[in-house]
Amino acid sequence: MPRKTIRRLLPKRVSTNQKIGYLKRWLGNENLWHLNRRSVARGTAIGCFWALVPVPMHTPLAALSAAAFRANLPVTIVAVWLSNPLTMVPLYGSGFLLGAYLLGTPLVPVAEMSIPWLLARLPELWLGCGLLSVLAGGFGYGLVNLLWRLKVNQNWRQRRAARQRTRI
């Protein structure tokens, strides 16, 4: 992991920073800024979850969730940007298709879709996107944990091999 590079970009001590004022209560928790396996995995899970929930203002909601669950804040914000104007149609479209499939809603050709038709189908969108967001959050959490552990094990093997080479 590019851990040293990321550490240089993150603030050193948020709790002693006078510029953040009243936000110190929420942003002063050091777990929001530390790069450890648990906080990064939580941040990835929270960001992936909020990226797939069809609501406006993803980033503030994800930041509040990161503060509540003591997840890494920068990782959370980067992960929530998975849903951007370029990816919203495929993400929410697949959520809608999943919700329509689960509820047994018949689909119509795109030419027949209208705003009233879409507004009447909000339960399908919410069900599909809710399910996808939970799955994406769990997948992100598991993937970060797995990759982190694999990297740590690789580092241990490399150090052990280096020690054995120096003993010979």
C-alpha atoms as a PDB file:
ATOM      1  CA  MET A   1       0.000   0.000   0.000  1.00  0.00           C
ATOM      2  CA  PRO A   2       1.191   3.560  -0.614  1.00  0.00           C
ATOM      3  CA  ARG A   3       0.881   4.171   3.112  1.00  0.00           C
ATOM      4  CA  LYS A   4       3.778   6.628   3.446  1.00  0.00           C
ATOM      5  CA  THR A   5       2.462   8.788   0.622  1.00  0.00           C
ATOM      6  CA  ILE A   6      -1.010   8.895   2.130  1.00  0.00           C
ATOM      7  CA  ARG A   7       0.384   9.721   5.579  1.00  0.00           C
ATOM      8  CA  ARG A   8       2.203  12.736   4.159  1.00  0.00           C
ATOM      9  CA  LEU A   9      -1.050  14.080   2.715  1.00  0.00           C
ATOM     10  CA  LEU A  10      -3.137  13.620   5.871  1.00  0.00           C
ATOM     11  CA  PRO A  11      -3.090  16.214   8.660  1.00  0.00           C
ATOM     12  CA  LYS A  12      -0.745  15.407  11.536  1.00  0.00           C
ATOM     13  CA  ARG A  13      -2.905  16.263  14.553  1.00  0.00           C
ATOM     14  CA  VAL A  14      -6.483  17.326  13.983  1.00  0.00           C
ATOM     15  CA  SER A  15      -7.336  17.478  17.686  1.00  0.00           C
ATOM     16  CA  THR A  16      -4.852  20.343  18.249  1.00  0.00           C
ATOM     17  CA  ASN A  17      -5.790  22.290  15.107  1.00  0.00           C
ATOM     18  CA  GLN A  18      -7.426  25.587  16.071  1.00  0.00           C
ATOM     19  CA  LYS A  19      -8.814  26.300  12.586  1.00  0.00           C
ATOM     20  CA  ILE A  20     -11.598  23.719  12.742  1.00  0.00           C
ATOM     21  CA  GLY A  21     -13.317  25.340  15.731  1.00  0.00           C
ATOM     22  CA  TYR A  22     -16.642  23.731  16.641  1.00  0.00           C
ATOM     23  CA  LEU A  23     -16.000  20.814  14.287  1.00  0.00           C
ATOM     24  CA  LYS A  24     -13.196  19.642  16.587  1.00  0.00           C
ATOM     25  CA  ARG A  25     -15.707  17.609  18.570  1.00  0.00           C
ATOM     26  CA  TRP A  26     -16.484  15.451  15.525  1.00  0.00           C
ATOM     27  CA  LEU A  27     -13.253  15.669  13.550  1.00  0.00           C
ATOM     28  CA  GLY A  28     -10.902  15.484  16.519  1.00  0.00           C
ATOM     29  CA  ASN A  29     -11.165  11.726  16.886  1.00  0.00           C
ATOM     30  CA  GLU A  30      -7.814  10.355  15.752  1.00  0.00           C
ATOM     31  CA  ASN A  31      -9.394   7.184  14.323  1.00  0.00           C
ATOM     32  CA  LEU A  32     -10.859   9.325  11.552  1.00  0.00           C
ATOM     33  CA  TRP A  33      -7.356   9.968  10.262  1.00  0.00           C
ATOM     34  CA  HIS A  34      -5.311   6.865  11.164  1.00  0.00           C
ATOM     35  CA  LEU A  35      -4.414   4.361   8.501  1.00  0.00           C
ATOM     36  CA  ASN A  36      -5.065   1.019  10.123  1.00  0.00           C
ATOM     37  CA  ARG A  37      -6.830  -2.022   8.757  1.00  0.00           C
ATOM     38  CA  ARG A  38     -10.057  -1.617  10.696  1.00  0.00           C
ATOM     39  CA  SER A  39     -10.631   2.095  10.106  1.00  0.00           C
ATOM     40  CA  VAL A  40      -9.775   1.855   6.397  1.00  0.00           C
ATOM     41  CA  ALA A  41     -12.054  -1.172   5.965  1.00  0.00           C
ATOM     42  CA  ARG A  42     -14.872   0.652   7.779  1.00  0.00           C
ATOM     43  CA  GLY A  43     -14.318   3.734   5.636  1.00  0.00           C
ATOM     44  CA  THR A  44     -14.462   1.682   2.449  1.00  0.00           C
ATOM     45  CA  ALA A  45     -17.650  -0.055   3.566  1.00  0.00           C
ATOM     46  CA  ILE A  46     -19.365   3.210   4.521  1.00  0.00           C
ATOM     47  CA  GLY A  47     -18.311   4.923   1.307  1.00  0.00           C
ATOM     48  CA  CYS A  48     -19.472   2.029  -0.889  1.00  0.00           C
ATOM     49  CA  PHE A  49     -22.760   1.903   1.008  1.00  0.00           C
ATOM     50  CA  TRP A  50     -23.564   5.601   0.591  1.00  0.00           C
ATOM     51  CA  ALA A  51     -22.385   5.617  -3.035  1.00  0.00           C
ATOM     52  CA  LEU A  52     -25.276   3.332  -3.993  1.00  0.00           C
ATOM     53  CA  VAL A  53     -28.041   4.923  -1.936  1.00  0.00           C
ATOM     54  CA  PRO A  54     -30.113   7.164  -4.248  1.00  0.00           C
ATOM     55  CA  VAL A  55     -30.109  10.348  -2.176  1.00  0.00           C
ATOM     56  CA  PRO A  56     -28.519  13.745  -2.801  1.00  0.00           C
ATOM     57  CA  MET A  57     -25.578  14.912  -0.713  1.00  0.00           C
ATOM     58  CA  HIS A  58     -23.726  11.601  -0.419  1.00  0.00           C
ATOM     59  CA  THR A  59     -20.483  13.070   0.882  1.00  0.00           C
ATOM     60  CA  PRO A  60     -21.857  14.802   4.023  1.00  0.00           C
ATOM     61  CA  LEU A  61     -23.909  11.721   4.910  1.00  0.00           C
ATOM     62  CA  ALA A  62     -20.870   9.501   4.459  1.00  0.00           C
ATOM     63  CA  ALA A  63     -18.709  11.860   6.536  1.00  0.00           C
ATOM     64  CA  LEU A  64     -21.250  11.828   9.375  1.00  0.00           C
ATOM     65  CA  SER A  65     -21.383   8.037   9.206  1.00  0.00           C
ATOM     66  CA  ALA A  66     -17.583   7.846   9.268  1.00  0.00           C
ATOM     67  CA  ALA A  67     -17.497  10.015  12.381  1.00  0.00           C
ATOM     68  CA  ALA A  68     -20.198   7.908  14.043  1.00  0.00           C
ATOM     69  CA  PHE A  69     -18.484   4.588  13.275  1.00  0.00           C
ATOM     70  CA  ARG A  70     -14.904   5.874  13.719  1.00  0.00           C
ATOM     71  CA  ALA A  71     -13.936   5.058  10.155  1.00  0.00           C
ATOM     72  CA  ASN A  72     -11.162   6.664   8.145  1.00  0.00           C
ATOM     73  CA  LEU A  73     -12.671   9.875   6.803  1.00  0.00           C
ATOM     74  CA  PRO A  74     -10.545  10.421   3.666  1.00  0.00           C
ATOM     75  CA  VAL A  75     -11.068   6.812   2.566  1.00  0.00           C
ATOM     76  CA  THR A  76     -14.807   7.154   3.150  1.00  0.00           C
ATOM     77  CA  ILE A  77     -15.035  10.281   1.028  1.00  0.00           C
ATOM     78  CA  VAL A  78     -13.004   8.774  -1.813  1.00  0.00           C
ATOM     79  CA  ALA A  79     -15.104   5.598  -1.747  1.00  0.00           C
ATOM     80  CA  VAL A  80     -18.378   7.525  -1.827  1.00  0.00           C
ATOM     81  CA  TRP A  81     -17.276   9.195  -5.045  1.00  0.00           C
ATOM     82  CA  LEU A  82     -17.846   5.889  -6.848  1.00  0.00           C
ATOM     83  CA  SER A  83     -21.201   7.364  -7.748  1.00  0.00           C
ATOM     84  CA  ASN A  84     -20.555  10.383  -9.886  1.00  0.00           C
ATOM     85  CA  PRO A  85     -22.503  11.758 -12.841  1.00  0.00           C
ATOM     86  CA  LEU A  86     -20.816   9.252 -15.160  1.00  0.00           C
ATOM     87  CA  THR A  87     -21.584   6.178 -13.060  1.00  0.00           C
ATOM     88  CA  MET A  88     -25.007   7.077 -11.658  1.00  0.00           C
ATOM     89  CA  VAL A  89     -27.008   5.707 -14.575  1.00  0.00           C
ATOM     90  CA  PRO A  90     -25.379   2.241 -14.522  1.00  0.00           C
ATOM     91  CA  LEU A  91     -25.402   2.029 -10.710  1.00  0.00           C
ATOM     92  CA  TYR A  92     -28.963   3.201 -10.161  1.00  0.00           C
ATOM     93  CA  GLY A  93     -30.179   1.474 -13.314  1.00  0.00           C
ATOM     94  CA  SER A  94     -28.887  -1.871 -12.082  1.00  0.00           C
ATOM     95  CA  GLY A  95     -30.447  -1.148  -8.688  1.00  0.00           C
ATOM     96  CA  PHE A  96     -33.767  -0.420 -10.345  1.00  0.00           C
ATOM     97  CA  LEU A  97     -33.566  -3.591 -12.458  1.00  0.00           C
ATOM     98  CA  LEU A  98     -32.790  -5.670  -9.371  1.00  0.00           C
ATOM     99  CA  GLY A  99     -35.666  -4.107  -7.426  1.00  0.00           C
ATOM    100  CA  ALA A 100     -38.065  -4.578 -10.346  1.00  0.00           C
ATOM    101  CA  TYR A 101     -37.017  -8.210 -10.651  1.00  0.00           C
ATOM    102  CA  LEU A 102     -37.486  -8.851  -6.922  1.00  0.00           C
ATOM    103  CA  LEU A 103     -40.906  -7.163  -6.854  1.00  0.00           C
ATOM    104  CA  GLY A 104     -42.036  -8.704 -10.133  1.00  0.00           C
ATOM    105  CA  THR A 105     -42.583  -5.378 -11.872  1.00  0.00           C
ATOM    106  CA  PRO A 106     -42.827  -5.678 -15.662  1.00  0.00           C
ATOM    107  CA  LEU A 107     -40.368  -3.516 -17.551  1.00  0.00           C
ATOM    108  CA  VAL A 108     -41.320  -1.263 -20.446  1.00  0.00           C
ATOM    109  CA  PRO A 109     -39.199  -0.050 -23.376  1.00  0.00           C
ATOM    110  CA  VAL A 110     -37.124   3.032 -22.712  1.00  0.00           C
ATOM    111  CA  ALA A 111     -39.202   5.051 -25.199  1.00  0.00           C
ATOM    112  CA  GLU A 112     -42.317   4.527 -23.058  1.00  0.00           C
ATOM    113  CA  MET A 113     -40.689   5.669 -19.807  1.00  0.00           C
ATOM    114  CA  SER A 114     -41.727   9.033 -18.434  1.00  0.00           C
ATOM    115  CA  ILE A 115     -41.258  10.993 -15.230  1.00  0.00           C
ATOM    116  CA  PRO A 116     -44.614   9.868 -13.746  1.00  0.00           C
ATOM    117  CA  TRP A 117     -43.768   6.250 -14.626  1.00  0.00           C
ATOM    118  CA  LEU A 118     -40.372   6.565 -12.882  1.00  0.00           C
ATOM    119  CA  LEU A 119     -41.883   8.253  -9.821  1.00  0.00           C
ATOM    120  CA  ALA A 120     -44.379   5.408  -9.507  1.00  0.00           C
ATOM    121  CA  ARG A 121     -41.457   2.949  -9.508  1.00  0.00           C
ATOM    122  CA  LEU A 122     -39.477   4.433  -6.598  1.00  0.00           C
ATOM    123  CA  PRO A 123     -39.998   1.357  -4.369  1.00  0.00           C
ATOM    124  CA  GLU A 124     -38.196  -0.769  -6.948  1.00  0.00           C
ATOM    125  CA  LEU A 125     -35.323   1.714  -7.073  1.00  0.00           C
ATOM    126  CA  TRP A 126     -35.019   1.913  -3.291  1.00  0.00           C
ATOM    127  CA  LEU A 127     -35.189  -1.857  -2.795  1.00  0.00           C
ATOM    128  CA  GLY A 128     -32.624  -2.623  -5.482  1.00  0.00           C
ATOM    129  CA  CYS A 129     -30.235   0.160  -4.530  1.00  0.00           C
ATOM    130  CA  GLY A 130     -30.588  -0.658  -0.827  1.00  0.00           C
ATOM    131  CA  LEU A 131     -29.690  -4.282  -1.441  1.00  0.00           C
ATOM    132  CA  LEU A 132     -26.793  -3.347  -3.722  1.00  0.00           C
ATOM    133  CA  SER A 133     -25.484  -0.811  -1.196  1.00  0.00           C
ATOM    134  CA  VAL A 134     -25.423  -3.390   1.604  1.00  0.00           C
ATOM    135  CA  LEU A 135     -23.686  -5.884  -0.686  1.00  0.00           C
ATOM    136  CA  ALA A 136     -21.167  -3.285  -1.892  1.00  0.00           C
ATOM    137  CA  GLY A 137     -20.388  -2.197   1.666  1.00  0.00           C
ATOM    138  CA  GLY A 138     -19.817  -5.773   2.791  1.00  0.00           C
ATOM    139  CA  PHE A 139     -17.737  -6.546  -0.276  1.00  0.00           C
ATOM    140  CA  GLY A 140     -15.611  -3.417   0.222  1.00  0.00           C
ATOM    141  CA  TYR A 141     -15.028  -4.228   3.887  1.00  0.00           C
ATOM    142  CA  GLY A 142     -14.046  -7.815   3.120  1.00  0.00           C
ATOM    143  CA  LEU A 143     -11.837  -6.879   0.179  1.00  0.00           C
ATOM    144  CA  VAL A 144      -9.861  -4.285   2.147  1.00  0.00           C
ATOM    145  CA  ASN A 145      -9.387  -6.710   5.041  1.00  0.00           C
ATOM    146  CA  LEU A 146      -8.226  -9.454   2.679  1.00  0.00           C
ATOM    147  CA  LEU A 147      -5.822  -7.260   0.714  1.00  0.00           C
ATOM    148  CA  TRP A 148      -4.408  -5.715   3.891  1.00  0.00           C
ATOM    149  CA  ARG A 149      -3.762  -9.128   5.441  1.00  0.00           C
ATOM    150  CA  LEU A 150      -2.186 -10.433   2.241  1.00  0.00           C
ATOM    151  CA  LYS A 151       0.165  -7.437   2.136  1.00  0.00           C
ATOM    152  CA  VAL A 152       1.123  -7.869   5.803  1.00  0.00           C
ATOM    153  CA  ASN A 153       1.818 -11.586   5.253  1.00  0.00           C
ATOM    154  CA  GLN A 154       3.906 -10.781   2.184  1.00  0.00           C
ATOM    155  CA  ASN A 155       5.938  -8.251   4.188  1.00  0.00           C
ATOM    156  CA  TRP A 156       6.505 -10.835   6.948  1.00  0.00           C
ATOM    157  CA  ARG A 157       7.726 -13.413   4.418  1.00  0.00           C
ATOM    158  CA  GLN A 158      10.069 -10.882   2.809  1.00  0.00           C
ATOM    159  CA  ARG A 159      11.532  -9.869   6.182  1.00  0.00           C
ATOM    160  CA  ARG A 160      11.962 -13.510   7.209  1.00  0.00           C
ATOM    161  CA  ALA A 161      13.732 -14.287   3.934  1.00  0.00           C
ATOM    162  CA  ALA A 162      15.993 -11.237   4.347  1.00  0.00           C
ATOM    163  CA  ARG A 163      16.917 -12.316   7.897  1.00  0.00           C
ATOM    164  CA  GLN A 164      17.728 -15.824   6.709  1.00  0.00           C
ATOM    165  CA  ARG A 165      19.942 -14.457   3.909  1.00  0.00           C
ATOM    166  CA  THR A 166      21.918 -12.316   6.372  1.00  0.00           C
ATOM    167  CA  ARG A 167      22.490 -15.281   8.746  1.00  0.00           C
ATOM    168  CA  ILE A 168      24.133 -17.379   6.064  1.00  0.00           C
END
